[in-house]
N, C-alpha and C. Protein backbone atom coordinates (compact mmCIF):
# COMPACT_ATOMS: atom_id res chain seq x y z
N MET A 1 0.82 -1.20 0.00
CA MET A 1 0.00 0.00 0.00
C MET A 1 0.86 1.26 0.00
N GLN A 2 1.99 1.19 0.71
CA GLN A 2 2.87 2.35 0.78
C GLN A 2 3.45 2.67 -0.60
N ARG A 3 3.82 1.64 -1.36
CA ARG A 3 4.36 1.84 -2.71
C ARG A 3 3.29 2.47 -3.61
N PHE A 4 2.06 2.00 -3.49
CA PHE A 4 0.97 2.55 -4.28
C PHE A 4 0.79 4.04 -3.99
N LEU A 5 0.77 4.42 -2.72
CA LEU A 5 0.60 5.82 -2.34
C LEU A 5 1.76 6.68 -2.82
N LEU A 6 2.97 6.13 -2.79
CA LEU A 6 4.14 6.86 -3.27
C LEU A 6 4.02 7.14 -4.77
N ILE A 7 3.68 6.11 -5.54
CA ILE A 7 3.53 6.28 -6.99
C ILE A 7 2.36 7.21 -7.29
N TRP A 8 1.27 7.08 -6.56
CA TRP A 8 0.10 7.95 -6.75
C TRP A 8 0.45 9.41 -6.49
N SER A 9 1.20 9.67 -5.43
CA SER A 9 1.57 11.06 -5.12
C SER A 9 2.49 11.63 -6.19
N ARG A 10 3.36 10.81 -6.74
CA ARG A 10 4.22 11.26 -7.83
C ARG A 10 3.40 11.57 -9.07
N ALA A 11 2.40 10.75 -9.35
CA ALA A 11 1.55 10.98 -10.52
C ALA A 11 0.76 12.28 -10.37
N VAL A 12 0.24 12.53 -9.20
CA VAL A 12 -0.53 13.76 -8.96
C VAL A 12 0.36 14.99 -9.13
N ARG A 13 1.64 14.87 -8.79
CA ARG A 13 2.58 15.99 -8.94
C ARG A 13 3.20 16.05 -10.33
N LEU A 14 2.77 15.17 -11.23
CA LEU A 14 3.26 15.09 -12.62
C LEU A 14 4.76 14.81 -12.66
N ARG A 15 5.20 13.88 -11.85
CA ARG A 15 6.61 13.50 -11.77
C ARG A 15 6.78 12.05 -12.21
N CYS A 16 8.01 11.68 -12.48
CA CYS A 16 8.35 10.31 -12.87
C CYS A 16 7.86 9.34 -11.80
N PRO A 17 7.15 8.27 -12.19
CA PRO A 17 6.65 7.33 -11.19
C PRO A 17 7.75 6.49 -10.55
N SER A 18 8.90 6.43 -11.18
CA SER A 18 10.00 5.63 -10.65
C SER A 18 10.85 6.37 -9.63
N CYS A 19 11.33 7.56 -10.01
CA CYS A 19 12.25 8.29 -9.12
C CYS A 19 11.58 9.47 -8.41
N GLY A 20 10.49 9.99 -8.97
CA GLY A 20 9.80 11.12 -8.37
C GLY A 20 10.47 12.46 -8.61
N GLN A 21 11.55 12.49 -9.37
CA GLN A 21 12.30 13.73 -9.60
C GLN A 21 12.02 14.35 -10.97
N GLY A 22 12.07 13.55 -12.02
CA GLY A 22 11.93 14.08 -13.37
C GLY A 22 10.52 14.53 -13.69
N LYS A 23 10.41 15.61 -14.45
CA LYS A 23 9.11 16.12 -14.89
C LYS A 23 8.63 15.30 -16.08
N LEU A 24 7.33 15.05 -16.13
CA LEU A 24 6.76 14.29 -17.24
C LEU A 24 6.54 15.16 -18.47
N PHE A 25 6.18 16.42 -18.28
CA PHE A 25 5.78 17.28 -19.40
C PHE A 25 6.76 18.41 -19.62
N ARG A 26 6.99 18.71 -20.91
CA ARG A 26 7.83 19.86 -21.26
C ARG A 26 6.96 21.03 -21.70
N GLY A 27 5.72 20.76 -22.02
CA GLY A 27 4.74 21.78 -22.39
C GLY A 27 3.37 21.35 -21.89
N TRP A 28 2.33 22.07 -22.30
CA TRP A 28 1.00 21.74 -21.81
C TRP A 28 0.55 20.35 -22.28
N PHE A 29 0.83 20.01 -23.55
CA PHE A 29 0.39 18.73 -24.09
C PHE A 29 1.53 17.81 -24.50
N SER A 30 2.77 18.27 -24.47
CA SER A 30 3.89 17.44 -24.93
C SER A 30 4.68 16.87 -23.75
N MET A 31 4.96 15.58 -23.85
CA MET A 31 5.69 14.88 -22.79
C MET A 31 7.14 14.68 -23.19
N HIS A 32 7.98 14.55 -22.19
CA HIS A 32 9.34 14.11 -22.44
C HIS A 32 9.30 12.64 -22.82
N ALA A 33 10.25 12.20 -23.64
CA ALA A 33 10.30 10.79 -24.01
C ALA A 33 10.78 9.93 -22.85
N LYS A 34 11.73 10.48 -22.07
CA LYS A 34 12.31 9.75 -20.94
C LYS A 34 12.43 10.68 -19.75
N CYS A 35 12.59 10.08 -18.59
CA CYS A 35 12.87 10.86 -17.38
C CYS A 35 14.29 11.41 -17.47
N GLN A 36 14.44 12.70 -17.19
CA GLN A 36 15.76 13.32 -17.25
C GLN A 36 16.66 12.84 -16.11
N GLU A 37 16.07 12.33 -15.05
CA GLU A 37 16.83 11.91 -13.87
C GLU A 37 17.22 10.44 -13.89
N CYS A 38 16.25 9.55 -14.15
CA CYS A 38 16.53 8.11 -14.04
C CYS A 38 16.50 7.38 -15.38
N GLY A 39 16.02 8.02 -16.43
CA GLY A 39 16.02 7.41 -17.75
C GLY A 39 14.83 6.52 -18.06
N LEU A 40 13.83 6.49 -17.20
CA LEU A 40 12.64 5.67 -17.45
C LEU A 40 11.93 6.17 -18.70
N THR A 41 11.64 5.27 -19.63
CA THR A 41 10.92 5.61 -20.85
C THR A 41 9.44 5.78 -20.50
N PHE A 42 8.88 6.92 -20.87
CA PHE A 42 7.50 7.22 -20.50
C PHE A 42 6.47 6.59 -21.43
N GLU A 43 6.81 6.39 -22.69
CA GLU A 43 5.87 5.75 -23.61
C GLU A 43 6.42 4.38 -23.98
N ARG A 44 5.82 3.36 -23.42
CA ARG A 44 6.36 2.00 -23.59
C ARG A 44 6.16 1.45 -24.99
N GLU A 45 5.08 1.83 -25.62
CA GLU A 45 4.76 1.33 -26.96
C GLU A 45 3.79 2.29 -27.62
N PRO A 46 3.65 2.20 -28.95
CA PRO A 46 2.67 3.07 -29.62
C PRO A 46 1.26 2.79 -29.07
N GLY A 47 0.53 3.84 -28.80
CA GLY A 47 -0.82 3.69 -28.27
C GLY A 47 -0.88 3.46 -26.77
N PHE A 48 0.25 3.58 -26.10
CA PHE A 48 0.32 3.32 -24.66
C PHE A 48 -0.66 4.18 -23.87
N TYR A 49 -0.82 5.42 -24.24
CA TYR A 49 -1.65 6.35 -23.47
C TYR A 49 -3.14 6.29 -23.82
N LEU A 50 -3.56 5.31 -24.60
CA LEU A 50 -5.00 5.15 -24.83
C LEU A 50 -5.73 4.87 -23.52
N GLY A 51 -5.06 4.22 -22.59
CA GLY A 51 -5.67 3.96 -21.29
C GLY A 51 -5.96 5.23 -20.52
N ALA A 52 -5.17 6.27 -20.76
CA ALA A 52 -5.40 7.55 -20.09
C ALA A 52 -6.72 8.17 -20.54
N ILE A 53 -7.14 7.84 -21.74
CA ILE A 53 -8.43 8.34 -22.23
C ILE A 53 -9.56 7.83 -21.34
N TYR A 54 -9.43 6.59 -20.87
CA TYR A 54 -10.46 6.02 -19.99
C TYR A 54 -10.50 6.76 -18.66
N PHE A 55 -9.34 7.09 -18.11
CA PHE A 55 -9.30 7.88 -16.88
C PHE A 55 -9.99 9.22 -17.10
N ASN A 56 -9.63 9.87 -18.20
CA ASN A 56 -10.16 11.20 -18.50
C ASN A 56 -11.67 11.14 -18.74
N TYR A 57 -12.09 10.22 -19.57
CA TYR A 57 -13.51 10.08 -19.88
C TYR A 57 -14.31 9.69 -18.64
N GLY A 58 -13.79 8.75 -17.88
CA GLY A 58 -14.49 8.28 -16.69
C GLY A 58 -14.74 9.39 -15.68
N LEU A 59 -13.73 10.18 -15.41
CA LEU A 59 -13.89 11.26 -14.45
C LEU A 59 -14.82 12.35 -14.99
N THR A 60 -14.70 12.65 -16.27
CA THR A 60 -15.58 13.65 -16.88
C THR A 60 -17.03 13.18 -16.84
N ALA A 61 -17.27 11.94 -17.21
CA ALA A 61 -18.64 11.40 -17.19
C ALA A 61 -19.21 11.38 -15.78
N LEU A 62 -18.40 10.99 -14.81
CA LEU A 62 -18.84 10.97 -13.42
C LEU A 62 -19.19 12.38 -12.94
N LEU A 63 -18.35 13.33 -13.28
CA LEU A 63 -18.58 14.72 -12.89
C LEU A 63 -19.89 15.25 -13.46
N ILE A 64 -20.13 15.02 -14.73
CA ILE A 64 -21.34 15.51 -15.38
C ILE A 64 -22.57 14.76 -14.87
N THR A 65 -22.43 13.45 -14.66
CA THR A 65 -23.54 12.64 -14.16
C THR A 65 -24.00 13.09 -12.78
N ILE A 66 -23.07 13.56 -11.98
CA ILE A 66 -23.42 14.06 -10.65
C ILE A 66 -23.88 15.52 -10.72
N LEU A 67 -23.18 16.33 -11.50
CA LEU A 67 -23.45 17.77 -11.53
C LEU A 67 -24.84 18.12 -12.07
N TYR A 68 -25.25 17.50 -13.16
CA TYR A 68 -26.53 17.88 -13.77
C TYR A 68 -27.72 17.64 -12.85
N PRO A 69 -27.90 16.42 -12.33
CA PRO A 69 -29.07 16.23 -11.45
C PRO A 69 -29.00 17.05 -10.16
N VAL A 70 -27.81 17.18 -9.60
CA VAL A 70 -27.69 17.96 -8.36
C VAL A 70 -28.03 19.43 -8.63
N SER A 71 -27.52 19.97 -9.74
CA SER A 71 -27.77 21.39 -10.02
C SER A 71 -29.24 21.66 -10.36
N THR A 72 -29.92 20.72 -11.00
CA THR A 72 -31.33 20.96 -11.35
C THR A 72 -32.27 20.60 -10.21
N LEU A 73 -32.03 19.50 -9.54
CA LEU A 73 -32.95 19.05 -8.49
C LEU A 73 -32.70 19.74 -7.15
N VAL A 74 -31.45 19.85 -6.77
CA VAL A 74 -31.12 20.43 -5.47
C VAL A 74 -30.85 21.93 -5.59
N GLY A 75 -30.11 22.30 -6.62
CA GLY A 75 -29.72 23.71 -6.77
C GLY A 75 -30.80 24.59 -7.36
N GLY A 76 -31.81 23.97 -7.98
CA GLY A 76 -32.90 24.74 -8.55
C GLY A 76 -32.56 25.48 -9.84
N TRP A 77 -31.48 25.08 -10.50
CA TRP A 77 -31.11 25.73 -11.77
C TRP A 77 -32.11 25.34 -12.86
N ASP A 78 -32.28 26.23 -13.82
CA ASP A 78 -33.05 25.93 -15.01
C ASP A 78 -32.33 24.80 -15.77
N ARG A 79 -33.11 23.89 -16.36
CA ARG A 79 -32.49 22.73 -17.04
C ARG A 79 -31.59 23.15 -18.20
N GLN A 80 -32.02 24.13 -18.97
CA GLN A 80 -31.21 24.58 -20.11
C GLN A 80 -29.89 25.20 -19.64
N PHE A 81 -29.96 25.99 -18.59
CA PHE A 81 -28.75 26.60 -18.04
C PHE A 81 -27.80 25.53 -17.51
N ALA A 82 -28.34 24.57 -16.76
CA ALA A 82 -27.52 23.48 -16.21
C ALA A 82 -26.90 22.66 -17.33
N LEU A 83 -27.67 22.41 -18.38
CA LEU A 83 -27.15 21.66 -19.52
C LEU A 83 -26.01 22.42 -20.19
N GLY A 84 -26.17 23.72 -20.36
CA GLY A 84 -25.11 24.54 -20.95
C GLY A 84 -23.84 24.51 -20.13
N ILE A 85 -23.98 24.60 -18.81
CA ILE A 85 -22.82 24.52 -17.92
C ILE A 85 -22.16 23.15 -18.04
N CYS A 86 -22.97 22.10 -18.05
CA CYS A 86 -22.43 20.74 -18.13
C CYS A 86 -21.72 20.47 -19.46
N VAL A 87 -22.28 20.98 -20.55
CA VAL A 87 -21.62 20.81 -21.85
C VAL A 87 -20.29 21.56 -21.87
N THR A 88 -20.28 22.76 -21.32
CA THR A 88 -19.03 23.52 -21.24
C THR A 88 -17.99 22.78 -20.43
N ILE A 89 -18.40 22.24 -19.30
CA ILE A 89 -17.47 21.46 -18.46
C ILE A 89 -17.02 20.21 -19.18
N ALA A 90 -17.95 19.55 -19.91
CA ALA A 90 -17.60 18.33 -20.63
C ALA A 90 -16.57 18.58 -21.73
N VAL A 91 -16.52 19.80 -22.23
CA VAL A 91 -15.53 20.14 -23.26
C VAL A 91 -14.22 20.61 -22.63
N LEU A 92 -14.29 21.44 -21.61
CA LEU A 92 -13.09 22.05 -21.04
C LEU A 92 -12.37 21.16 -20.01
N PHE A 93 -13.12 20.41 -19.22
CA PHE A 93 -12.49 19.61 -18.18
C PHE A 93 -11.49 18.58 -18.73
N PRO A 94 -11.82 17.83 -19.79
CA PRO A 94 -10.83 16.87 -20.31
C PRO A 94 -9.53 17.53 -20.78
N LEU A 95 -9.63 18.75 -21.28
CA LEU A 95 -8.41 19.45 -21.69
C LEU A 95 -7.56 19.82 -20.48
N ALA A 96 -8.23 20.28 -19.43
CA ALA A 96 -7.51 20.66 -18.21
C ALA A 96 -6.95 19.44 -17.48
N TYR A 97 -7.64 18.31 -17.56
CA TYR A 97 -7.26 17.09 -16.85
C TYR A 97 -6.31 16.21 -17.66
N PHE A 98 -6.03 16.56 -18.91
CA PHE A 98 -5.23 15.75 -19.83
C PHE A 98 -3.91 15.29 -19.21
N ARG A 99 -3.16 16.22 -18.66
CA ARG A 99 -1.83 15.90 -18.11
C ARG A 99 -1.94 14.94 -16.93
N HIS A 100 -2.89 15.17 -16.07
CA HIS A 100 -3.04 14.29 -14.91
C HIS A 100 -3.54 12.90 -15.30
N ALA A 101 -4.40 12.84 -16.32
CA ALA A 101 -4.87 11.53 -16.79
C ALA A 101 -3.70 10.70 -17.31
N ARG A 102 -2.83 11.33 -18.07
CA ARG A 102 -1.64 10.61 -18.57
C ARG A 102 -0.71 10.22 -17.44
N SER A 103 -0.51 11.12 -16.52
CA SER A 103 0.37 10.86 -15.38
C SER A 103 -0.17 9.72 -14.52
N LEU A 104 -1.47 9.74 -14.25
CA LEU A 104 -2.08 8.67 -13.45
C LEU A 104 -2.03 7.33 -14.17
N TRP A 105 -2.21 7.35 -15.49
CA TRP A 105 -2.11 6.11 -16.26
C TRP A 105 -0.69 5.56 -16.20
N LEU A 106 0.29 6.42 -16.37
CA LEU A 106 1.68 5.99 -16.29
C LEU A 106 2.00 5.45 -14.90
N GLY A 107 1.52 6.12 -13.87
CA GLY A 107 1.73 5.65 -12.50
C GLY A 107 1.07 4.31 -12.25
N PHE A 108 -0.16 4.15 -12.73
CA PHE A 108 -0.88 2.88 -12.58
C PHE A 108 -0.11 1.76 -13.28
N ASP A 109 0.35 2.03 -14.50
CA ASP A 109 1.09 1.02 -15.24
C ASP A 109 2.41 0.69 -14.55
N HIS A 110 3.07 1.69 -14.02
CA HIS A 110 4.33 1.46 -13.31
C HIS A 110 4.10 0.65 -12.03
N PHE A 111 2.98 0.86 -11.38
CA PHE A 111 2.66 0.10 -10.18
C PHE A 111 2.41 -1.37 -10.52
N VAL A 112 1.67 -1.62 -11.58
CA VAL A 112 1.31 -2.98 -11.97
C VAL A 112 2.47 -3.71 -12.63
N ASP A 113 3.23 -3.01 -13.47
CA ASP A 113 4.30 -3.63 -14.24
C ASP A 113 5.52 -2.72 -14.27
N PRO A 114 6.29 -2.64 -13.17
CA PRO A 114 7.44 -1.73 -13.14
C PRO A 114 8.51 -2.16 -14.15
N ARG A 115 9.10 -1.17 -14.77
CA ARG A 115 10.18 -1.42 -15.74
C ARG A 115 11.50 -0.94 -15.16
N VAL A 116 12.57 -1.50 -15.65
CA VAL A 116 13.91 -1.09 -15.22
C VAL A 116 14.28 0.18 -15.97
N GLN A 117 14.90 1.12 -15.25
CA GLN A 117 15.32 2.37 -15.88
C GLN A 117 16.52 2.14 -16.77
N ASP A 118 16.63 2.98 -17.79
CA ASP A 118 17.76 2.96 -18.70
C ASP A 118 18.53 4.26 -18.51
N LYS A 119 19.71 4.21 -17.88
CA LYS A 119 20.48 5.42 -17.56
C LYS A 119 21.08 6.10 -18.78
N SER A 120 21.07 5.45 -19.92
CA SER A 120 21.73 6.03 -21.10
C SER A 120 20.93 7.13 -21.72
């Protein structure tokens, strides 16, 4: 459990899941190929980050599924207004969460199947 929490905290901070030092991203949407500190390759194979889409979609769907009924039934918002807010969130939230979805996917994969770092 301690190893899981360590990797999870590194993922939340957008750091290498192996060493916790190297940054995963060099820009908003572009990742480094390897960790600058330990040499861990971040993309194991083509299509590796397709799993991150599930993290991103799942959290977005959960957020909207909770937000719409709560805002209309409990909050008393007009349905059209609540729908407009939810659609806006459904478009913008995945963009904002993109980096964390990839980081969490990489951390999850590293927890399940750790790879040896390549110092070269």
